[in-house]
Amino acid sequence: MRNKLIAAFACATALVSAGAASAADLGARPYTKAPAYIEPLFNWTGFYVGGHIGGAWTNEQFINNGVGAPFGDLTSGQGYRQRGTGLMGGAQIGYNWQANNYVFGMEGTISGLDNKGTVVNTAFAPGGNVFDWRANVLATVVGRAGFAVQNNLFYIKGGYAGVNNRLNVTDTVGAATGSGGQTHWANGWTVGAGWEYGVTRNWIVGLEYNYAAFGSQTYQLGGTSGNYTFDAKPRDIQWAVVRASYKFDAPVIARY
C-alpha cells in the first residue's frame, strides 16, 4: 500500500511539472494600449464672412497740372500734400483652402473711412483759397497665403485696392476765382499681413495691417474763366483693424 501511494504522488508531481513547462512555453499575453485621443485640428478650409473696424491714415496729394489759368492761386506744378486720419470699418468675405499646415485663399473687403483734410492757401489773402479733400470708400480683392499652427493662422496678402476720392476748391481771391469739386475712383495695389485665431469651430478673430498705393486722377474744377484741372491722388493709405468672421463648416481633420 505504501508503495502505491509513493507511485501516485510521483505521477502527480510529473504531471504538474509538465503543465508548468507548457505554460512557460506559451509566453505572456501581449498588452495593447488603447490609442491616445488627440484633439481634432482646427480646419481653416471653407467660406467665411465677417466685419472689421480700426483706423486709417491717408497721405493726399493734389497738384495744379497747368491746364487753364492759375486757380486756387497755384501755378502749374504747385500743390499740396496733407495727411488725414480717421476711423474705418466694413465687411469681408472669402474662402480658405488648407493643405497640411499651409492655408491659401481669396478675400474681398469693402470699407467706409473718414479720412479728410483742409488746406487754406494764405499766400494772397487770409482764408481766401480753400482746398478740401476726402477719401471715404475703400475696396480690396486680394489673395492670401498663410501657415497654420493649430487654431492660429499667420498670413500675408496682396492684390487690388481702389478708393473713392473727392477734391473741392474754393477760390475767392484774384482774377481766377470760382469753386468746384469732383469725385474719382482711384485704382491701386495693396499688401498686408495678419494673424487670426479660431475661437470655436466657426468663429474667428484676428488683427491685420495693410498698405495701399494709388494712381493719379485728373480733377476738373470750375472757375469764372472756365475749368481748371488738378492731378490728385491718395498717395498711400495705411490701416490697422481688428476682425471677426464666421466660418461655415468644413470636414473635421482628425489626427491620431
Protein backbone atom coordinates (compact mmCIF):
# COMPACT_ATOMS: atom_id res chain seq x y z
CA MET A 1 0.00 0.00 0.00
CA ARG A 2 2.83 2.34 0.84
CA ASN A 3 4.49 1.69 -2.49
CA LYS A 4 1.25 2.52 -4.35
CA LEU A 5 0.92 5.91 -2.59
CA ILE A 6 4.52 6.80 -3.45
CA ALA A 7 3.92 5.92 -7.09
CA ALA A 8 0.71 8.00 -7.30
CA PHE A 9 2.47 11.03 -5.74
CA ALA A 10 5.35 10.76 -8.20
CA CYS A 11 2.93 10.62 -11.13
CA ALA A 12 1.03 13.69 -9.95
CA THR A 13 4.27 15.64 -9.49
CA ALA A 14 5.33 14.79 -13.02
CA LEU A 15 2.00 16.00 -14.48
CA VAL A 16 2.19 19.34 -12.62
CA SER A 17 5.76 19.90 -13.79
CA ALA A 18 4.80 19.15 -17.40
CA GLY A 19 1.86 21.61 -17.25
CA ALA A 20 4.05 24.38 -15.85
CA ALA A 21 6.61 23.83 -18.60
CA SER A 22 3.92 24.03 -21.29
CA ALA A 23 2.55 27.28 -19.83
CA ALA A 24 6.04 28.78 -19.78
CA ASP A 25 6.48 27.84 -23.45
CA LEU A 26 3.32 29.81 -24.40
CA GLY A 27 4.75 33.12 -23.06
CA ALA A 28 2.89 36.09 -21.57
CA ARG A 29 -0.12 37.55 -23.46
CA PRO A 30 0.92 40.84 -25.10
CA TYR A 31 -0.66 44.03 -23.69
CA THR A 32 -2.08 46.52 -26.20
CA LYS A 33 -2.56 50.11 -25.02
CA ALA A 34 -5.60 51.98 -26.33
CA PRO A 35 -4.66 54.81 -28.74
CA ALA A 36 -4.48 58.20 -27.08
CA TYR A 37 -7.13 60.70 -28.21
CA ILE A 38 -5.77 63.88 -29.72
CA GLU A 39 -7.99 66.91 -30.14
CA PRO A 40 -9.05 67.41 -33.79
CA LEU A 41 -7.03 70.01 -35.70
CA PHE A 42 -8.72 73.30 -36.48
CA ASN A 43 -9.74 73.24 -40.14
CA TRP A 44 -9.34 76.57 -41.95
CA THR A 45 -10.98 75.33 -45.15
CA GLY A 46 -14.30 76.94 -46.03
CA PHE A 47 -16.19 80.14 -46.79
CA TYR A 48 -16.34 82.93 -44.22
CA VAL A 49 -17.99 86.32 -43.78
CA GLY A 50 -17.36 88.96 -41.15
CA GLY A 51 -16.58 92.53 -40.23
CA HIS A 52 -13.66 94.73 -39.23
CA ILE A 53 -13.07 98.06 -37.50
CA GLY A 54 -10.00 100.18 -36.86
CA GLY A 55 -8.12 103.26 -38.01
CA ALA A 56 -6.75 104.52 -41.35
CA TRP A 57 -4.14 107.07 -42.44
CA THR A 58 -4.25 108.77 -45.86
CA ASN A 59 -1.50 110.85 -47.48
CA GLU A 60 -3.27 113.06 -50.03
CA GLN A 61 -1.57 114.93 -52.87
CA PHE A 62 -3.02 117.44 -55.36
CA ILE A 63 -1.09 119.50 -57.92
CA ASN A 64 -2.15 122.09 -60.49
CA ASN A 65 -1.29 120.42 -63.80
CA GLY A 66 -1.05 123.66 -65.77
CA VAL A 67 -4.19 123.33 -67.90
CA GLY A 68 -6.03 126.69 -67.73
CA ALA A 69 -5.29 129.82 -65.71
CA PRO A 70 -3.96 129.62 -62.15
CA PHE A 71 -6.78 128.52 -59.86
CA GLY A 72 -6.59 128.47 -56.09
CA ASP A 73 -3.61 130.77 -56.64
CA LEU A 74 -1.47 127.79 -57.59
CA THR A 75 0.55 127.92 -60.81
CA SER A 76 1.48 124.88 -62.89
CA GLY A 77 3.32 122.27 -60.82
CA GLN A 78 2.34 123.78 -57.48
CA GLY A 79 0.26 121.88 -54.97
CA TYR A 80 -0.04 120.39 -51.52
CA ARG A 81 0.38 117.18 -49.61
CA GLN A 82 -1.55 116.52 -46.43
CA ARG A 83 -2.08 113.62 -44.04
CA GLY A 84 -5.53 112.75 -42.70
CA THR A 85 -6.58 110.10 -40.20
CA GLY A 86 -9.88 108.65 -39.14
CA LEU A 87 -11.91 105.61 -38.20
CA MET A 88 -12.75 102.90 -40.69
CA GLY A 89 -14.96 99.84 -40.70
CA GLY A 90 -16.52 97.41 -43.10
CA ALA A 91 -17.07 93.80 -44.12
CA GLN A 92 -15.04 90.93 -45.58
CA ILE A 93 -15.95 87.73 -47.43
CA GLY A 94 -13.58 85.00 -48.53
CA TYR A 95 -12.63 81.37 -48.91
CA ASN A 96 -9.70 79.43 -47.43
CA TRP A 97 -8.24 76.11 -48.55
CA GLN A 98 -5.89 74.20 -46.22
CA ALA A 99 -3.19 71.68 -47.22
CA ASN A 100 -1.40 70.32 -44.14
CA ASN A 101 -0.24 73.47 -42.31
CA TYR A 102 -0.47 75.74 -45.35
CA VAL A 103 -3.54 77.87 -46.00
CA PHE A 104 -4.39 79.67 -49.25
CA GLY A 105 -7.38 81.83 -50.03
CA MET A 106 -9.10 84.76 -51.71
CA GLU A 107 -10.80 87.67 -49.95
CA GLY A 108 -12.77 90.77 -50.82
CA THR A 109 -13.39 93.74 -48.49
CA ILE A 110 -15.43 96.93 -48.58
CA SER A 111 -14.81 99.65 -46.01
CA GLY A 112 -16.05 103.10 -45.17
CA LEU A 113 -13.49 105.59 -43.89
CA ASP A 114 -13.47 109.21 -42.80
CA ASN A 115 -10.04 110.43 -43.90
CA LYS A 116 -10.22 114.08 -44.89
CA GLY A 117 -8.38 117.36 -44.70
CA THR A 118 -8.48 121.08 -45.49
CA VAL A 119 -5.67 123.26 -46.80
CA VAL A 120 -6.01 127.08 -46.77
CA ASN A 121 -3.77 128.98 -49.16
CA THR A 122 -2.94 132.26 -47.40
CA ALA A 123 -0.35 133.49 -49.93
CA PHE A 124 -2.69 136.19 -51.25
CA ALA A 125 -5.37 136.61 -48.59
CA PRO A 126 -6.19 135.01 -45.24
CA GLY A 127 -8.80 132.32 -45.77
CA GLY A 128 -9.21 133.23 -49.42
CA ASN A 129 -8.48 129.87 -51.12
CA VAL A 130 -9.60 126.62 -49.57
CA PHE A 131 -8.83 123.07 -50.72
CA ASP A 132 -10.89 120.21 -49.23
CA TRP A 133 -10.32 116.51 -49.89
CA ARG A 134 -11.82 113.31 -48.62
CA ALA A 135 -11.28 109.55 -49.06
CA ASN A 136 -14.44 107.75 -47.97
CA VAL A 137 -14.77 104.26 -49.53
CA LEU A 138 -12.04 101.63 -49.86
CA ALA A 139 -12.31 98.22 -51.56
CA THR A 140 -9.81 95.37 -51.96
CA VAL A 141 -9.61 92.00 -53.72
CA VAL A 142 -6.59 90.01 -52.57
CA GLY A 143 -5.00 86.60 -52.40
CA ARG A 144 -3.86 85.24 -49.04
CA ALA A 145 -1.19 82.70 -48.04
CA GLY A 146 -0.52 81.57 -44.51
CA PHE A 147 0.84 78.99 -42.10
CA ALA A 148 -1.46 77.39 -39.52
CA VAL A 149 -0.41 76.24 -36.06
CA GLN A 150 -3.50 74.56 -34.61
CA ASN A 151 -6.00 77.40 -34.08
CA ASN A 152 -3.53 80.12 -35.10
CA LEU A 153 -3.09 81.36 -38.66
CA PHE A 154 -0.27 83.73 -39.67
CA TYR A 155 -0.73 85.11 -43.18
CA ILE A 156 0.29 87.65 -45.80
CA LYS A 157 -1.92 89.12 -48.52
CA GLY A 158 -1.72 91.19 -51.67
CA GLY A 159 -3.74 92.34 -54.66
CA TYR A 160 -6.02 95.09 -55.92
CA ALA A 161 -7.16 98.19 -54.00
CA GLY A 162 -9.45 101.03 -55.02
CA VAL A 163 -10.61 104.18 -53.21
CA ASN A 164 -13.27 106.85 -53.75
CA ASN A 165 -11.55 110.24 -53.54
CA ARG A 166 -13.02 113.77 -53.74
CA LEU A 167 -11.35 117.17 -54.18
CA ASN A 168 -13.06 120.57 -53.73
CA VAL A 169 -11.56 124.02 -54.32
CA THR A 170 -12.98 127.44 -53.41
CA ASP A 171 -11.07 130.50 -54.71
CA THR A 172 -12.34 133.94 -53.76
CA VAL A 173 -9.16 135.94 -54.38
CA GLY A 174 -7.69 137.32 -57.62
CA ALA A 175 -8.90 137.23 -61.21
CA ALA A 176 -9.25 133.44 -61.47
CA THR A 177 -11.94 132.81 -58.88
CA GLY A 178 -14.65 130.20 -58.50
CA SER A 179 -15.38 126.90 -56.84
CA GLY A 180 -15.84 123.31 -57.87
CA GLY A 181 -15.40 119.73 -56.87
CA GLN A 182 -15.16 116.30 -58.40
CA THR A 183 -15.02 112.68 -57.25
CA HIS A 184 -12.94 109.93 -58.84
CA TRP A 185 -12.32 106.25 -58.17
CA ALA A 186 -8.56 105.71 -57.89
CA ASN A 187 -7.08 102.27 -58.63
CA GLY A 188 -4.00 100.82 -56.99
CA TRP A 189 -2.45 97.86 -55.20
CA THR A 190 -2.25 96.67 -51.61
CA VAL A 191 -0.18 94.36 -49.39
CA GLY A 192 -0.76 93.33 -45.80
CA ALA A 193 -0.20 90.82 -43.03
CA GLY A 194 -2.23 89.48 -40.15
CA TRP A 195 -2.97 86.89 -37.50
CA GLU A 196 -6.21 85.02 -36.91
CA TYR A 197 -7.34 82.70 -34.13
CA GLY A 198 -10.11 80.12 -34.24
CA VAL A 199 -12.06 80.70 -31.03
CA THR A 200 -14.50 77.91 -31.90
CA ARG A 201 -15.02 75.71 -34.94
CA ASN A 202 -16.89 78.56 -36.63
CA TRP A 203 -15.85 81.86 -35.02
CA ILE A 204 -12.53 83.53 -35.91
CA VAL A 205 -10.98 86.73 -34.56
CA GLY A 206 -7.82 88.49 -35.73
CA LEU A 207 -5.60 91.53 -36.21
CA GLU A 208 -4.44 92.94 -39.54
CA TYR A 209 -2.27 95.73 -41.03
CA ASN A 210 -2.42 96.89 -44.68
CA TYR A 211 -0.72 99.35 -47.02
CA ALA A 212 -2.09 100.58 -50.37
CA ALA A 213 -0.85 103.00 -53.06
CA PHE A 214 -2.91 104.58 -55.85
CA GLY A 215 -2.54 106.22 -59.23
CA SER A 216 -3.34 109.86 -60.03
CA GLN A 217 -6.61 111.15 -61.49
CA THR A 218 -7.36 114.46 -63.24
CA TYR A 219 -9.98 116.61 -61.50
CA GLN A 220 -11.89 119.28 -63.45
CA LEU A 221 -12.74 122.19 -61.14
CA GLY A 222 -14.84 125.18 -62.12
CA GLY A 223 -13.85 128.85 -62.13
CA THR A 224 -15.09 132.15 -63.58
CA SER A 225 -12.73 131.80 -66.55
CA GLY A 226 -13.59 128.14 -67.24
CA ASN A 227 -12.48 124.79 -65.90
CA TYR A 228 -9.14 124.20 -64.25
CA THR A 229 -7.52 120.85 -63.69
CA PHE A 230 -5.63 119.30 -60.80
CA ASP A 231 -3.89 115.94 -60.64
CA ALA A 232 -4.88 114.44 -57.30
CA LYS A 233 -4.50 111.09 -55.60
CA PRO A 234 -4.27 109.41 -52.23
CA ARG A 235 -0.53 108.71 -52.45
CA ASP A 236 -0.98 105.90 -49.95
CA ILE A 237 -3.43 104.62 -47.34
CA GLN A 238 -2.47 102.55 -44.33
CA TRP A 239 -4.94 100.88 -42.00
CA ALA A 240 -4.96 98.56 -39.00
CA VAL A 241 -8.08 96.70 -37.92
CA VAL A 242 -9.47 94.04 -35.63
CA ARG A 243 -11.53 91.38 -37.39
CA ALA A 244 -14.23 88.86 -36.57
CA SER A 245 -15.51 86.26 -39.04
CA TYR A 246 -17.93 83.36 -39.12
CA LYS A 247 -16.57 80.30 -40.98
CA PHE A 248 -19.07 77.87 -42.44
CA ASP A 249 -18.50 74.24 -41.51
CA ALA A 250 -15.96 72.08 -43.31
CA PRO A 251 -14.94 68.44 -42.63
CA VAL A 252 -13.04 68.00 -39.34
CA ILE A 253 -9.38 66.98 -39.66
CA ALA A 254 -8.63 64.33 -37.00
CA ARG A 255 -5.16 63.11 -36.04
CA TYR A 256 -4.07 60.08 -34.01
